[in-house]
Amino acid sequence: MDVNQLNEWINTDDGKKWGEEFKSPLLKNRDNLLSELKSSGAKFSEIEQRLIRTENELSGEKAIVSKFLIDHELNRLLENVNVVEALIPAITNDLKNAYGITVKADGDDRTVSGTLKDKEGKDVEATLSAIVDAWKELPESKQVRMNTNSGGGATGGTLSQNNKPQDMNNLSGRQLANTSDSDFAAWRQQELQRNRGY
């Protein structure tokens, strides 16, 4: 059968019937594939939504771990080096940014570290304790730490005539910075006792 005869036969009833029989499984297969594709598209969208939810939960979990492992420990270390209590949250944030402090996970273990410069100026991994030790040697740290020396001799002019600390709540930042360590410590102690009801 040549091409012309084939074209004529395809247009006959037998040819049309054969064509339909030949196309039918192909069309059915196409329809099945389209249906599966639509279904997988819906599944993909559902998986994508679950992935977004999981990422949000993971991000929240990381924030909680960071707050617990970094913030609480830094707060404790800063209290130990006598940083003014009201400034601790801001200094904690500054230290996290300045020293790249992060939590690393290894299975169930979590470790906290940051980076310090060694003698050659290279970044080296350091513990929070080492970071606070390095920070407390900086001149700016001395401005936010209370002097705990109990020796006399420091007079800053903030004691009132009846030897009670002056109220420093209304002082400007500059006035507060110029207050002697002993006067600030006395005022702080009085405020703590007043807040505790002593």
Protein backbone atom coordinates (compact mmCIF):
# COMPACT_ATOMS: atom_id res chain seq x y z
CA MET A 1 0.00 0.00 0.00
CA ASP A 2 1.50 3.32 -1.06
CA VAL A 3 1.00 6.67 0.66
CA ASN A 4 -1.99 7.67 -1.47
CA GLN A 5 -3.73 4.39 -0.80
CA LEU A 6 -2.96 4.73 2.92
CA ASN A 7 -4.50 8.22 2.99
CA GLU A 8 -7.61 6.93 1.27
CA TRP A 9 -7.89 3.95 3.63
CA ILE A 10 -7.51 6.17 6.76
CA ASN A 11 -10.57 8.11 5.60
CA THR A 12 -12.65 4.96 5.33
CA ASP A 13 -14.72 3.65 8.23
CA ASP A 14 -12.19 0.88 8.91
CA GLY A 15 -9.31 3.39 8.82
CA LYS A 16 -11.11 5.80 11.16
CA LYS A 17 -11.93 2.97 13.53
CA TRP A 18 -8.29 1.80 13.52
CA GLY A 19 -7.12 5.43 14.14
CA GLU A 20 -9.47 5.81 17.10
CA GLU A 21 -8.30 2.49 18.54
CA PHE A 22 -4.68 3.58 18.11
CA LYS A 23 -5.24 7.06 19.64
CA SER A 24 -7.45 5.94 22.50
CA PRO A 25 -4.70 4.48 24.77
CA LEU A 26 -2.43 7.43 24.00
CA LEU A 27 -5.15 9.93 24.94
CA LYS A 28 -5.95 7.94 28.05
CA ASN A 29 -2.28 7.89 29.02
CA ARG A 30 -2.06 11.65 28.38
CA ASP A 31 -5.11 12.29 30.57
CA ASN A 32 -3.63 10.14 33.36
CA LEU A 33 -0.35 12.03 33.17
CA LEU A 34 -2.13 15.40 33.30
CA SER A 35 -4.17 14.23 36.26
CA GLU A 36 -1.03 13.08 38.08
CA LEU A 37 0.69 16.34 37.25
CA LYS A 38 -2.21 18.36 38.69
CA SER A 39 -2.23 16.13 41.78
CA SER A 40 1.53 16.43 42.23
CA GLY A 41 1.18 20.22 41.84
CA ALA A 42 -1.25 20.24 44.76
CA LYS A 43 1.07 17.97 46.72
CA PHE A 44 4.02 20.21 45.86
CA SER A 45 2.12 23.24 47.15
CA GLU A 46 1.28 21.37 50.35
CA ILE A 47 4.91 20.30 50.78
CA GLU A 48 6.04 23.88 50.16
CA GLN A 49 3.67 25.16 52.87
CA ARG A 50 4.91 22.51 55.30
CA LEU A 51 8.49 23.49 54.51
CA ILE A 52 7.73 27.17 55.23
CA ARG A 53 6.06 26.23 58.54
CA THR A 54 9.02 24.03 59.49
CA GLU A 55 11.50 26.80 58.64
CA ASN A 56 9.53 29.26 60.78
CA GLU A 57 9.47 26.81 63.68
CA LEU A 58 13.20 26.17 63.26
CA SER A 59 13.88 29.90 63.23
CA GLY A 60 11.88 30.32 66.44
CA GLU A 61 13.71 27.39 68.02
CA LYS A 62 17.07 28.92 67.06
CA ALA A 63 16.03 32.23 68.65
CA ILE A 64 15.06 30.49 71.90
CA VAL A 65 18.31 28.49 71.99
CA SER A 66 20.29 31.65 71.23
CA LYS A 67 18.52 33.60 73.97
CA PHE A 68 19.06 30.83 76.50
CA LEU A 69 22.63 29.91 75.64
CA ILE A 70 23.99 33.30 74.62
CA ASP A 71 21.97 36.03 76.33
CA HIS A 72 21.67 34.39 79.75
CA GLU A 73 25.34 33.47 79.89
CA LEU A 74 26.50 36.88 78.66
CA ASN A 75 24.23 38.57 81.20
CA ARG A 76 25.77 36.47 83.97
CA LEU A 77 29.33 37.18 82.81
CA LEU A 78 28.64 40.92 82.50
CA GLU A 79 27.13 41.01 86.00
CA ASN A 80 30.29 39.30 87.27
CA VAL A 81 32.45 42.10 85.86
CA ASN A 82 30.13 44.72 87.45
CA VAL A 83 28.48 46.15 84.35
CA VAL A 84 25.69 48.60 85.20
CA GLU A 85 22.57 46.42 85.26
CA ALA A 86 20.43 48.66 83.04
CA LEU A 87 23.06 48.55 80.29
CA ILE A 88 23.52 44.77 80.17
CA PRO A 89 20.89 44.05 77.43
CA ALA A 90 22.39 46.64 75.07
CA ILE A 91 25.95 45.50 75.74
CA THR A 92 24.90 41.86 75.21
CA ASN A 93 23.58 42.77 71.74
CA ASP A 94 26.72 44.78 70.97
CA LEU A 95 28.96 41.87 71.97
CA LYS A 96 26.96 39.38 69.89
CA ASN A 97 27.38 41.58 66.81
CA ALA A 98 30.96 42.69 67.42
CA TYR A 99 32.34 39.23 68.15
CA GLY A 100 30.09 37.17 65.84
CA ILE A 101 28.72 35.08 68.69
CA THR A 102 26.70 32.10 67.47
CA VAL A 103 25.38 28.74 68.59
CA LYS A 104 26.76 25.71 66.76
CA ALA A 105 24.93 22.39 66.73
CA ASP A 106 26.56 18.99 66.61
CA GLY A 107 23.83 16.40 67.06
CA ASP A 108 22.30 17.08 70.48
CA ASP A 109 25.28 19.20 71.60
CA ARG A 110 25.13 22.99 71.39
CA THR A 111 28.21 25.15 71.80
CA VAL A 112 28.49 28.92 71.89
CA SER A 113 31.48 30.77 70.53
CA GLY A 114 32.58 33.93 68.87
CA THR A 115 35.78 35.23 67.34
CA LEU A 116 38.68 37.18 68.77
CA LYS A 117 41.81 38.44 67.01
CA ASP A 118 45.03 36.66 67.93
CA LYS A 119 48.44 38.35 68.12
CA GLU A 120 48.83 38.12 64.34
CA GLY A 121 45.39 39.64 63.76
CA LYS A 122 43.75 36.39 62.66
CA ASP A 123 40.25 35.43 63.78
CA VAL A 124 40.25 32.62 66.34
CA GLU A 125 37.30 30.89 67.96
CA ALA A 126 36.72 32.00 71.55
CA THR A 127 34.37 31.17 74.44
CA LEU A 128 31.99 33.74 75.90
CA SER A 129 34.18 34.00 78.97
CA ALA A 130 37.25 34.81 76.85
CA ILE A 131 35.26 37.38 74.87
CA VAL A 132 34.05 39.16 78.03
CA ASP A 133 37.62 39.07 79.43
CA ALA A 134 38.90 40.72 76.24
CA TRP A 135 36.04 43.24 76.19
CA LYS A 136 36.53 44.32 79.81
CA GLU A 137 40.07 45.45 78.92
CA LEU A 138 38.74 47.94 76.36
CA PRO A 139 38.46 51.61 77.46
CA GLU A 140 34.73 51.80 76.58
CA SER A 141 33.96 48.89 78.91
CA LYS A 142 35.38 50.78 81.88
CA GLN A 143 32.75 53.49 81.36
CA VAL A 144 29.89 51.05 81.94
CA ARG A 145 31.37 49.07 84.82
CA MET A 146 31.07 49.96 88.47
CA ASN A 147 34.20 50.20 90.57
CA THR A 148 33.77 47.77 93.45
CA ASN A 149 36.71 49.05 95.48
CA SER A 150 35.42 49.80 98.93
CA GLY A 151 38.36 52.07 99.81
CA GLY A 152 37.54 55.65 100.67
CA GLY A 153 38.74 58.83 99.15
CA ALA A 154 36.43 59.11 96.15
CA THR A 155 34.04 61.99 96.37
CA GLY A 156 31.94 62.94 93.43
CA GLY A 157 29.74 65.58 94.98
CA THR A 158 26.52 63.57 94.66
CA LEU A 159 26.10 62.78 98.33
CA SER A 160 23.59 65.02 99.96
CA GLN A 161 24.27 66.83 103.23
CA ASN A 162 22.75 64.04 105.34
CA ASN A 163 25.13 61.49 103.62
CA LYS A 164 22.33 59.79 101.64
CA PRO A 165 22.91 59.29 97.93
CA GLN A 166 21.37 61.90 95.68
CA ASP A 167 18.56 60.76 93.41
CA MET A 168 20.22 60.10 90.06
CA ASN A 169 17.07 59.13 88.18
CA ASN A 170 16.79 62.56 86.59
CA LEU A 171 20.46 63.04 85.69
CA SER A 172 21.45 63.28 82.04
CA GLY A 173 23.67 60.64 80.52
CA ARG A 174 26.67 62.98 80.69
CA GLN A 175 26.01 63.80 84.35
CA LEU A 176 25.61 60.12 85.11
CA ALA A 177 28.88 59.30 83.30
CA ASN A 178 30.69 61.93 85.39
CA THR A 179 29.39 60.48 88.65
CA SER A 180 32.07 58.78 90.74
CA ASP A 181 31.93 55.01 90.93
CA SER A 182 31.45 55.03 94.70
CA ASP A 183 28.54 57.50 94.55
CA PHE A 184 26.89 55.56 91.75
CA ALA A 185 27.32 52.29 93.66
CA ALA A 186 25.80 53.88 96.79
CA TRP A 187 22.82 55.22 94.83
CA ARG A 188 22.35 51.85 93.07
CA GLN A 189 22.41 50.01 96.40
CA GLN A 190 19.80 52.40 97.81
CA GLU A 191 17.56 51.91 94.74
CA LEU A 192 17.83 48.12 95.00
CA GLN A 193 16.92 48.21 98.68
CA ARG A 194 14.03 50.59 98.03
CA ASN A 195 12.69 48.32 95.28
CA ARG A 196 12.92 45.32 97.58
CA GLY A 197 11.05 47.17 100.29
CA TYR A 198 13.91 47.53 102.82
